[in-house]
């Protein structure tokens, strides 16, 4: 379908009396302008996409482009998403429980402590990870305080990275030995 959106912009295609799909995305014209005049660049990008955008493939495809050092950002968009409800009270209780037991809030994976690193500004700051994914809970399902883990932002992102999420123990095993000991 996306290719048919681009066909409406292709003079060779439209000169044959064909139309393509007229209702494309706002950025279609920009993409067409960037790639229509540079078929080799388009081929390189397409090959990178077809190979799953592995880091090596993407890096080699990118080397053939000009280094753009700025881009337009900040456009306001409206998005509608369904989100799972979370209970901040349970998160607060988890933090209080850990603080009472250890006297600090540190990442359960890498042991990073925002208070140690950032002083007063970071004191008491930590993210909370659901060890049982909310997406697996039935609507109005119950989360127990032991289903929560305190993690730093980096480890939280790593736990959720990729299709198959890692658990705390698996991510911890990926850390270098000096952090893990």
N, C-alpha and C. Protein backbone atom coordinates (compact mmCIF):
# COMPACT_ATOMS: atom_id res chain seq x y z
N UNK A 1 0.82 -1.18 0.00
CA UNK A 1 0.00 0.00 0.00
C UNK A 1 0.88 1.25 0.00
N UNK A 2 1.94 1.25 0.81
CA UNK A 2 2.83 2.42 0.87
C UNK A 2 3.45 2.69 -0.49
N UNK A 3 3.82 1.63 -1.20
CA UNK A 3 4.40 1.83 -2.53
C UNK A 3 3.41 2.51 -3.47
N UNK A 4 2.14 2.19 -3.31
CA UNK A 4 1.12 2.84 -4.15
C UNK A 4 0.97 4.32 -3.78
N UNK A 5 1.23 4.68 -2.53
CA UNK A 5 1.24 6.10 -2.14
C UNK A 5 2.36 6.82 -2.87
N UNK A 6 3.51 6.17 -2.99
CA UNK A 6 4.64 6.79 -3.69
C UNK A 6 4.41 6.84 -5.20
N UNK A 7 3.69 5.86 -5.72
CA UNK A 7 3.46 5.85 -7.17
C UNK A 7 2.71 7.09 -7.64
N UNK A 8 1.86 7.67 -6.80
CA UNK A 8 1.15 8.89 -7.20
C UNK A 8 2.12 10.04 -7.43
N UNK A 9 3.32 9.93 -6.87
CA UNK A 9 4.34 10.97 -7.00
C UNK A 9 5.33 10.69 -8.13
N UNK A 10 5.27 9.50 -8.70
CA UNK A 10 6.22 9.07 -9.72
C UNK A 10 5.77 9.52 -11.11
N UNK A 11 6.48 10.49 -11.72
CA UNK A 11 6.05 10.99 -13.03
C UNK A 11 6.03 9.90 -14.10
N UNK A 12 6.94 8.96 -14.01
CA UNK A 12 6.97 7.88 -15.00
C UNK A 12 5.69 7.04 -14.90
N UNK A 13 5.25 6.77 -13.68
CA UNK A 13 4.05 5.97 -13.45
C UNK A 13 2.80 6.74 -13.87
N UNK A 14 2.72 8.01 -13.47
CA UNK A 14 1.52 8.81 -13.77
C UNK A 14 1.44 9.18 -15.25
N UNK A 15 2.59 9.22 -15.96
CA UNK A 15 2.56 9.55 -17.39
C UNK A 15 1.88 8.46 -18.21
N UNK A 16 1.76 7.28 -17.63
CA UNK A 16 1.08 6.17 -18.30
C UNK A 16 -0.42 6.18 -18.02
N UNK A 17 -0.91 7.28 -17.39
CA UNK A 17 -2.33 7.40 -17.08
C UNK A 17 -2.73 6.72 -15.79
N UNK A 18 -1.77 6.23 -15.04
CA UNK A 18 -2.05 5.57 -13.77
C UNK A 18 -2.00 6.61 -12.64
N UNK A 19 -2.64 6.29 -11.52
CA UNK A 19 -2.75 7.28 -10.46
C UNK A 19 -2.02 6.94 -9.17
N UNK A 20 -2.00 5.73 -8.74
CA UNK A 20 -1.48 5.41 -7.41
C UNK A 20 -2.53 5.77 -6.36
N UNK A 21 -2.19 5.62 -5.10
CA UNK A 21 -3.12 5.98 -4.02
C UNK A 21 -2.90 7.44 -3.63
N UNK A 22 -3.97 8.21 -3.64
CA UNK A 22 -3.84 9.65 -3.45
C UNK A 22 -3.72 10.08 -2.00
N UNK A 23 -4.11 9.25 -1.05
CA UNK A 23 -4.12 9.67 0.35
C UNK A 23 -2.94 9.08 1.12
N UNK A 24 -1.76 9.60 0.87
CA UNK A 24 -0.58 9.12 1.57
C UNK A 24 -0.33 9.90 2.84
N UNK A 25 0.79 9.62 3.46
CA UNK A 25 1.19 10.32 4.69
C UNK A 25 1.75 11.70 4.34
N UNK A 26 1.78 12.58 5.34
CA UNK A 26 2.29 13.94 5.12
C UNK A 26 3.73 13.94 4.63
N UNK A 27 4.53 13.02 5.09
CA UNK A 27 5.95 13.01 4.74
C UNK A 27 6.28 12.31 3.44
N UNK A 28 5.29 11.75 2.75
CA UNK A 28 5.57 11.01 1.52
C UNK A 28 6.32 11.85 0.49
N UNK A 29 5.87 13.10 0.30
CA UNK A 29 6.51 13.96 -0.70
C UNK A 29 7.98 14.19 -0.35
N UNK A 30 8.27 14.42 0.93
CA UNK A 30 9.66 14.64 1.35
C UNK A 30 10.51 13.41 1.09
N UNK A 31 9.98 12.24 1.43
CA UNK A 31 10.72 10.99 1.20
C UNK A 31 10.96 10.80 -0.30
N UNK A 32 9.92 11.05 -1.10
CA UNK A 32 10.06 10.91 -2.55
C UNK A 32 11.14 11.85 -3.07
N UNK A 33 11.13 13.10 -2.63
CA UNK A 33 12.12 14.07 -3.09
C UNK A 33 13.54 13.65 -2.71
N UNK A 34 13.69 13.06 -1.54
CA UNK A 34 15.02 12.64 -1.09
C UNK A 34 15.54 11.45 -1.88
N UNK A 35 14.66 10.50 -2.19
CA UNK A 35 15.13 9.25 -2.76
C UNK A 35 14.92 9.10 -4.27
N UNK A 36 13.98 9.79 -4.86
CA UNK A 36 13.69 9.61 -6.29
C UNK A 36 14.88 10.01 -7.15
N UNK A 37 15.61 11.02 -6.73
CA UNK A 37 16.75 11.51 -7.50
C UNK A 37 18.02 10.72 -7.21
N UNK A 38 17.99 9.88 -6.19
CA UNK A 38 19.17 9.11 -5.80
C UNK A 38 18.81 7.63 -5.66
N UNK A 39 18.60 6.94 -6.78
CA UNK A 39 18.17 5.54 -6.70
C UNK A 39 19.19 4.64 -5.97
N UNK A 40 20.47 4.97 -6.07
CA UNK A 40 21.46 4.15 -5.37
C UNK A 40 21.30 4.29 -3.85
N UNK A 41 21.03 5.50 -3.39
CA UNK A 41 20.79 5.73 -1.96
C UNK A 41 19.54 4.98 -1.52
N UNK A 42 18.52 5.00 -2.35
CA UNK A 42 17.27 4.29 -2.05
C UNK A 42 17.53 2.79 -1.96
N UNK A 43 18.33 2.27 -2.90
CA UNK A 43 18.65 0.84 -2.91
C UNK A 43 19.39 0.45 -1.63
N UNK A 44 20.35 1.28 -1.21
CA UNK A 44 21.12 1.00 0.00
C UNK A 44 20.20 0.98 1.22
N UNK A 45 19.31 1.97 1.30
CA UNK A 45 18.37 2.03 2.43
C UNK A 45 17.43 0.83 2.42
N UNK A 46 16.95 0.46 1.23
CA UNK A 46 16.04 -0.68 1.12
C UNK A 46 16.73 -1.98 1.55
N UNK A 47 17.98 -2.14 1.13
CA UNK A 47 18.73 -3.34 1.52
C UNK A 47 18.91 -3.39 3.04
N UNK A 48 19.19 -2.24 3.63
CA UNK A 48 19.36 -2.20 5.09
C UNK A 48 18.06 -2.59 5.79
N UNK A 49 16.94 -2.10 5.28
CA UNK A 49 15.65 -2.45 5.87
C UNK A 49 15.36 -3.93 5.70
N UNK A 50 15.64 -4.46 4.54
CA UNK A 50 15.37 -5.87 4.29
C UNK A 50 16.24 -6.79 5.14
N UNK A 51 17.41 -6.34 5.50
CA UNK A 51 18.29 -7.16 6.34
C UNK A 51 18.01 -6.96 7.82
N UNK A 52 16.91 -6.31 8.12
CA UNK A 52 16.50 -6.17 9.51
C UNK A 52 17.20 -5.06 10.25
N UNK A 53 17.82 -4.16 9.52
CA UNK A 53 18.51 -3.03 10.15
C UNK A 53 19.50 -3.45 11.22
N UNK A 54 20.27 -4.49 10.91
CA UNK A 54 21.33 -4.86 11.85
C UNK A 54 22.29 -3.68 11.96
N UNK A 55 22.95 -3.54 13.06
CA UNK A 55 23.82 -2.38 13.29
C UNK A 55 24.86 -2.22 12.19
N UNK A 56 25.50 -3.31 11.79
CA UNK A 56 26.54 -3.24 10.77
C UNK A 56 25.95 -2.81 9.43
N UNK A 57 24.82 -3.37 9.07
CA UNK A 57 24.20 -3.02 7.80
C UNK A 57 23.78 -1.57 7.80
N UNK A 58 23.17 -1.13 8.87
CA UNK A 58 22.69 0.25 8.94
C UNK A 58 23.87 1.21 8.91
N UNK A 59 24.94 0.89 9.62
CA UNK A 59 26.10 1.77 9.64
C UNK A 59 26.71 1.90 8.26
N UNK A 60 26.83 0.78 7.52
CA UNK A 60 27.43 0.87 6.19
C UNK A 60 26.53 1.62 5.22
N UNK A 61 25.22 1.49 5.36
CA UNK A 61 24.30 2.24 4.50
C UNK A 61 24.38 3.72 4.82
N UNK A 62 24.54 4.06 6.08
CA UNK A 62 24.58 5.46 6.50
C UNK A 62 25.86 6.15 6.05
N UNK A 63 26.94 5.41 5.87
CA UNK A 63 28.21 6.03 5.51
C UNK A 63 28.15 6.71 4.15
N UNK A 64 27.21 6.35 3.32
CA UNK A 64 27.14 6.91 1.98
C UNK A 64 26.32 8.19 1.91
N UNK A 65 25.82 8.65 3.04
CA UNK A 65 24.97 9.83 3.07
C UNK A 65 25.73 11.02 3.63
N UNK A 66 25.23 12.20 3.30
CA UNK A 66 25.77 13.40 3.93
C UNK A 66 25.48 13.32 5.42
N UNK A 67 26.37 13.87 6.21
CA UNK A 67 26.13 13.92 7.66
C UNK A 67 25.24 15.09 7.98
N UNK A 68 23.96 14.84 8.18
CA UNK A 68 23.04 15.89 8.60
C UNK A 68 23.25 16.09 10.09
N UNK A 69 23.47 17.33 10.48
CA UNK A 69 23.72 17.60 11.89
C UNK A 69 22.56 18.27 12.58
N UNK A 70 21.47 18.46 11.86
CA UNK A 70 20.28 19.01 12.50
C UNK A 70 19.05 18.48 11.79
N UNK A 71 17.95 18.52 12.50
CA UNK A 71 16.68 18.04 11.95
C UNK A 71 15.55 18.82 12.60
N UNK A 72 14.47 18.98 11.88
CA UNK A 72 13.29 19.65 12.43
C UNK A 72 12.61 18.71 13.41
N UNK A 73 12.37 19.19 14.62
CA UNK A 73 11.68 18.41 15.64
C UNK A 73 10.78 19.35 16.43
N UNK A 74 9.94 18.78 17.23
CA UNK A 74 9.12 19.58 18.13
C UNK A 74 7.70 19.82 17.64
N UNK A 75 7.34 19.23 16.49
CA UNK A 75 5.98 19.38 16.00
C UNK A 75 5.02 18.74 16.99
N UNK A 76 3.91 19.38 17.25
CA UNK A 76 2.92 18.83 18.18
C UNK A 76 2.06 17.80 17.47
N UNK A 77 1.93 16.64 18.07
CA UNK A 77 1.11 15.56 17.54
C UNK A 77 0.11 15.14 18.60
N UNK A 78 -1.02 14.65 18.17
CA UNK A 78 -2.00 14.09 19.08
C UNK A 78 -2.01 12.58 18.87
N UNK A 79 -1.85 11.83 19.95
CA UNK A 79 -1.86 10.38 19.87
C UNK A 79 -2.86 9.84 20.88
N UNK A 80 -3.53 8.79 20.50
CA UNK A 80 -4.47 8.14 21.39
C UNK A 80 -3.99 6.71 21.62
N UNK A 81 -3.80 6.36 22.88
CA UNK A 81 -3.32 5.03 23.22
C UNK A 81 -4.12 4.49 24.39
N UNK A 82 -4.30 3.20 24.40
CA UNK A 82 -4.82 2.54 25.59
C UNK A 82 -3.63 2.25 26.49
N UNK A 83 -3.74 2.57 27.75
CA UNK A 83 -2.66 2.29 28.69
C UNK A 83 -3.21 1.51 29.87
N UNK A 84 -2.38 0.69 30.45
CA UNK A 84 -2.77 -0.07 31.63
C UNK A 84 -2.66 0.83 32.85
N UNK A 85 -3.66 0.79 33.68
CA UNK A 85 -3.67 1.60 34.89
C UNK A 85 -2.63 1.07 35.87
N UNK A 86 -1.93 2.00 36.51
CA UNK A 86 -0.93 1.66 37.52
C UNK A 86 -1.32 2.31 38.84
N UNK A 87 -0.92 1.69 39.92
CA UNK A 87 -1.24 2.22 41.24
C UNK A 87 0.03 2.82 41.85
N UNK A 88 0.12 4.14 41.89
CA UNK A 88 1.30 4.83 42.44
C UNK A 88 1.48 4.53 43.93
N UNK A 89 0.38 4.23 44.61
CA UNK A 89 0.47 3.92 46.04
C UNK A 89 1.32 2.67 46.26
N UNK A 90 1.14 1.66 45.41
CA UNK A 90 1.91 0.43 45.53
C UNK A 90 3.40 0.69 45.29
N UNK A 91 3.69 1.55 44.31
CA UNK A 91 5.08 1.91 44.02
C UNK A 91 5.68 2.63 45.23
N UNK A 92 4.94 3.57 45.80
CA UNK A 92 5.42 4.30 46.98
C UNK A 92 5.69 3.33 48.13
N UNK A 93 4.77 2.38 48.34
CA UNK A 93 4.96 1.39 49.41
C UNK A 93 6.20 0.54 49.17
N UNK A 94 6.44 0.18 47.91
CA UNK A 94 7.64 -0.61 47.58
C UNK A 94 8.89 0.20 47.93
N UNK A 95 8.91 1.47 47.56
CA UNK A 95 10.05 2.33 47.88
C UNK A 95 10.24 2.45 49.39
N UNK A 96 9.15 2.64 50.11
CA UNK A 96 9.23 2.75 51.57
C UNK A 96 9.75 1.46 52.19
N UNK A 97 9.29 0.32 51.66
CA UNK A 97 9.71 -0.99 52.17
C UNK A 97 11.22 -1.17 51.98
N UNK A 98 11.70 -0.86 50.79
CA UNK A 98 13.13 -1.02 50.50
C UNK A 98 13.95 -0.03 51.33
N UNK A 99 13.48 1.21 51.44
CA UNK A 99 14.20 2.22 52.22
C UNK A 99 14.31 1.80 53.69
N UNK A 100 13.22 1.28 54.25
CA UNK A 100 13.22 0.85 55.65
C UNK A 100 14.20 -0.31 55.86
N UNK A 101 14.33 -1.17 54.87
CA UNK A 101 15.19 -2.35 54.99
C UNK A 101 16.66 -2.02 54.74
N UNK A 102 16.95 -1.13 53.75
CA UNK A 102 18.34 -0.91 53.33
C UNK A 102 18.86 0.50 53.58
N UNK A 103 17.95 1.45 53.80
CA UNK A 103 18.36 2.84 53.98
C UNK A 103 18.71 3.56 52.70
N UNK A 104 18.41 2.95 51.56
CA UNK A 104 18.67 3.58 50.26
C UNK A 104 17.78 2.97 49.19
N UNK A 105 17.69 3.67 48.06
CA UNK A 105 16.95 3.16 46.90
C UNK A 105 17.97 2.99 45.78
N UNK A 106 18.36 1.75 45.54
CA UNK A 106 19.32 1.50 44.47
C UNK A 106 18.75 0.51 43.47
N UNK A 107 19.28 0.55 42.28
CA UNK A 107 18.84 -0.33 41.21
C UNK A 107 19.11 -1.79 41.59
N UNK A 108 18.11 -2.63 41.44
CA UNK A 108 18.25 -4.05 41.77
C UNK A 108 19.09 -4.80 40.75
N UNK A 109 19.40 -4.15 39.63
CA UNK A 109 20.24 -4.79 38.62
C UNK A 109 21.69 -4.35 38.78
N UNK A 110 21.96 -3.04 38.67
CA UNK A 110 23.34 -2.54 38.65
C UNK A 110 23.76 -1.84 39.93
N UNK A 111 22.84 -1.71 40.88
CA UNK A 111 23.10 -1.09 42.18
C UNK A 111 23.34 0.41 42.10
N UNK A 112 22.95 1.04 41.00
CA UNK A 112 23.09 2.50 40.88
C UNK A 112 22.16 3.17 41.88
N UNK A 113 22.69 4.19 42.57
CA UNK A 113 21.93 4.95 43.57
C UNK A 113 21.94 6.41 43.15
N UNK A 114 20.79 6.94 42.77
CA UNK A 114 20.70 8.32 42.31
C UNK A 114 21.14 9.30 43.40
N UNK A 115 20.85 8.99 44.65
CA UNK A 115 21.26 9.85 45.75
C UNK A 115 22.78 9.93 45.88
N UNK A 116 23.47 8.80 45.72
CA UNK A 116 24.94 8.80 45.77
C UNK A 116 25.53 9.61 44.63
N UNK A 117 24.95 9.49 43.46
CA UNK A 117 25.50 10.13 42.27
C UNK A 117 25.14 11.61 42.18
N UNK A 118 23.90 11.97 42.51
CA UNK A 118 23.41 13.33 42.30
C UNK A 118 23.11 14.09 43.59
N UNK A 119 23.41 13.51 44.73
CA UNK A 119 23.16 14.20 45.99
C UNK A 119 21.68 14.40 46.25
N UNK A 120 21.36 15.57 46.83
CA UNK A 120 19.97 15.86 47.19
C UNK A 120 19.03 15.77 45.99
N UNK A 121 19.52 16.20 44.83
CA UNK A 121 18.67 16.20 43.63
C UNK A 121 18.22 14.78 43.26
N UNK A 122 19.07 13.80 43.47
CA UNK A 122 18.74 12.42 43.11
C UNK A 122 18.21 11.57 44.24
N UNK A 123 18.26 12.10 45.45
CA UNK A 123 17.82 11.31 46.61
C UNK A 123 16.36 10.90 46.49
N UNK A 124 16.10 9.61 46.70
CA UNK A 124 14.74 9.10 46.67
C UNK A 124 14.20 8.83 45.27
N UNK A 125 15.03 9.04 44.25
CA UNK A 125 14.57 8.81 42.88
C UNK A 125 14.94 7.40 42.43
N UNK A 126 13.98 6.72 41.82
CA UNK A 126 14.20 5.38 41.26
C UNK A 126 12.97 5.05 40.42
N UNK A 127 13.13 4.18 39.44
CA UNK A 127 11.99 3.71 38.66
C UNK A 127 11.52 2.37 39.20
N UNK A 128 10.30 2.02 38.85
CA UNK A 128 9.72 0.78 39.35
C UNK A 128 9.31 -0.09 38.15
N UNK A 129 9.78 -1.32 38.16
CA UNK A 129 9.53 -2.27 37.07
C UNK A 129 8.57 -3.36 37.55
N UNK A 130 7.57 -3.64 36.73
CA UNK A 130 6.65 -4.74 37.03
C UNK A 130 7.27 -6.04 36.52
N UNK A 131 7.58 -6.95 37.43
CA UNK A 131 8.19 -8.21 37.02
C UNK A 131 7.18 -9.13 36.33
N UNK A 132 5.91 -8.91 36.59
CA UNK A 132 4.84 -9.57 35.84
C UNK A 132 4.28 -8.50 34.91
N UNK A 133 4.51 -8.62 33.60
CA UNK A 133 4.07 -7.57 32.68
C UNK A 133 2.58 -7.25 32.84
N UNK A 134 2.27 -5.97 32.90
CA UNK A 134 0.87 -5.56 33.03
C UNK A 134 0.04 -6.07 31.86
N UNK A 135 0.67 -6.23 30.71
CA UNK A 135 -0.07 -6.70 29.53
C UNK A 135 -0.58 -8.13 29.70
N UNK A 136 0.00 -8.87 30.65
CA UNK A 136 -0.44 -10.25 30.87
C UNK A 136 -1.53 -10.35 31.94
N UNK A 137 -1.77 -9.25 32.64
CA UNK A 137 -2.80 -9.26 33.68
C UNK A 137 -4.18 -9.12 33.06
N UNK A 138 -5.16 -9.78 33.65
CA UNK A 138 -6.53 -9.52 33.20
C UNK A 138 -6.93 -8.11 33.62
N UNK A 139 -7.96 -7.57 32.99
CA UNK A 139 -8.44 -6.25 33.39
C UNK A 139 -8.81 -6.32 34.87
N UNK A 140 -8.41 -5.32 35.63
CA UNK A 140 -8.59 -5.27 37.09
C UNK A 140 -7.80 -6.35 37.82
N UNK A 141 -6.71 -6.82 37.20
CA UNK A 141 -5.84 -7.81 37.85
C UNK A 141 -5.13 -7.20 39.04
N UNK A 142 -4.55 -8.03 39.87
CA UNK A 142 -3.88 -7.59 41.09
C UNK A 142 -2.37 -7.69 40.93
N UNK A 143 -1.68 -6.67 41.42
CA UNK A 143 -0.22 -6.68 41.47
C UNK A 143 0.18 -6.67 42.94
N UNK A 144 1.07 -7.58 43.32
CA UNK A 144 1.57 -7.65 44.69
C UNK A 144 2.86 -6.83 44.76
N UNK A 145 3.17 -6.31 45.92
CA UNK A 145 4.37 -5.50 46.10
C UNK A 145 5.63 -6.27 45.70
N UNK A 146 5.62 -7.60 45.84
CA UNK A 146 6.76 -8.41 45.44
C UNK A 146 6.86 -8.59 43.93
N UNK A 147 5.85 -8.12 43.19
CA UNK A 147 5.89 -8.15 41.73
C UNK A 147 6.56 -6.91 41.17
N UNK A 148 7.09 -6.06 42.05
CA UNK A 148 7.75 -4.82 41.64
C UNK A 148 9.24 -4.90 41.94
N UNK A 149 10.04 -4.29 41.07
CA UNK A 149 11.48 -4.21 41.28
C UNK A 149 11.92 -2.76 41.07
N UNK A 150 12.81 -2.27 41.92
CA UNK A 150 13.33 -0.92 41.77
C UNK A 150 14.55 -0.96 40.87
N UNK A 151 14.52 -0.15 39.81
CA UNK A 151 15.60 -0.16 38.82
C UNK A 151 15.90 1.27 38.35
N UNK A 152 17.13 1.48 37.91
CA UNK A 152 17.49 2.78 37.32
C UNK A 152 16.88 2.85 35.92
N UNK A 153 16.88 4.04 35.35
CA UNK A 153 16.26 4.24 34.04
C UNK A 153 16.94 3.40 32.96
N UNK A 154 18.27 3.32 32.98
CA UNK A 154 18.97 2.55 31.95
C UNK A 154 18.62 1.07 32.03
N UNK A 155 18.65 0.52 33.21
CA UNK A 155 18.31 -0.90 33.36
C UNK A 155 16.85 -1.15 33.02
N UNK A 156 15.98 -0.20 33.36
CA UNK A 156 14.57 -0.35 33.03
C UNK A 156 14.39 -0.44 31.51
N UNK A 157 15.09 0.42 30.79
CA UNK A 157 15.01 0.37 29.32
C UNK A 157 15.56 -0.95 28.79
N UNK A 158 16.64 -1.45 29.38
CA UNK A 158 17.22 -2.71 28.93
C UNK A 158 16.30 -3.89 29.23
N UNK A 159 15.57 -3.83 30.35
CA UNK A 159 14.62 -4.90 30.67
C UNK A 159 13.53 -4.99 29.61
N UNK A 160 13.12 -3.84 29.08
CA UNK A 160 12.03 -3.80 28.10
C UNK A 160 12.51 -3.79 26.65
N UNK A 161 13.81 -3.84 26.43
CA UNK A 161 14.34 -3.76 25.07
C UNK A 161 14.09 -5.05 24.31
N UNK A 162 13.66 -4.91 23.08
CA UNK A 162 13.46 -6.08 22.24
C UNK A 162 12.12 -6.74 22.45
N UNK A 163 11.90 -7.77 21.67
CA UNK A 163 10.62 -8.49 21.69
C UNK A 163 10.46 -9.33 22.96
N UNK A 164 11.52 -10.03 23.33
CA UNK A 164 11.47 -10.90 24.52
C UNK A 164 12.13 -10.17 25.68
N UNK A 165 11.32 -9.69 26.62
CA UNK A 165 11.84 -8.93 27.74
C UNK A 165 12.67 -9.81 28.66
N UNK A 166 13.69 -9.21 29.23
CA UNK A 166 14.54 -9.91 30.19
C UNK A 166 13.96 -9.79 31.59
N UNK A 167 14.32 -10.73 32.45
CA UNK A 167 13.98 -10.56 33.86
C UNK A 167 15.21 -9.98 34.56
N UNK A 168 15.04 -9.61 35.81
CA UNK A 168 16.10 -8.95 36.58
C UNK A 168 17.37 -9.81 36.60
N UNK A 169 17.21 -11.09 36.90
CA UNK A 169 18.36 -12.00 37.01
C UNK A 169 19.12 -12.10 35.68
N UNK A 170 18.40 -12.21 34.58
CA UNK A 170 19.05 -12.33 33.26
C UNK A 170 19.81 -11.07 32.89
N UNK A 171 19.23 -9.91 33.18
CA UNK A 171 19.92 -8.65 32.87
C UNK A 171 21.16 -8.50 33.74
N UNK A 172 21.05 -8.89 34.98
CA UNK A 172 22.18 -8.80 35.91
C UNK A 172 23.36 -9.63 35.40
N UNK A 173 23.06 -10.78 34.80
CA UNK A 173 24.12 -11.66 34.27
C UNK A 173 24.86 -11.02 33.10
N UNK A 174 24.24 -10.06 32.43
CA UNK A 174 24.88 -9.41 31.29
C UNK A 174 25.88 -8.33 31.70
N UNK A 175 25.82 -7.92 32.96
CA UNK A 175 26.71 -6.86 33.44
C UNK A 175 28.14 -7.39 33.59
N UNK A 176 29.11 -6.50 33.41
CA UNK A 176 30.50 -6.92 33.63
C UNK A 176 30.70 -7.44 35.05
N UNK A 177 31.67 -8.31 35.21
CA UNK A 177 31.90 -8.98 36.50
C UNK A 177 32.13 -8.00 37.64
N UNK A 178 32.81 -6.87 37.39
CA UNK A 178 33.12 -5.95 38.50
C UNK A 178 31.85 -5.32 39.07
N UNK A 179 30.81 -5.14 38.26
CA UNK A 179 29.55 -4.61 38.76
C UNK A 179 28.76 -5.72 39.44
N UNK A 180 28.85 -6.91 38.90
CA UNK A 180 28.06 -8.05 39.36
C UNK A 180 28.55 -8.63 40.68
N UNK A 181 29.77 -8.32 41.09
CA UNK A 181 30.30 -8.95 42.31
C UNK A 181 29.94 -8.20 43.56
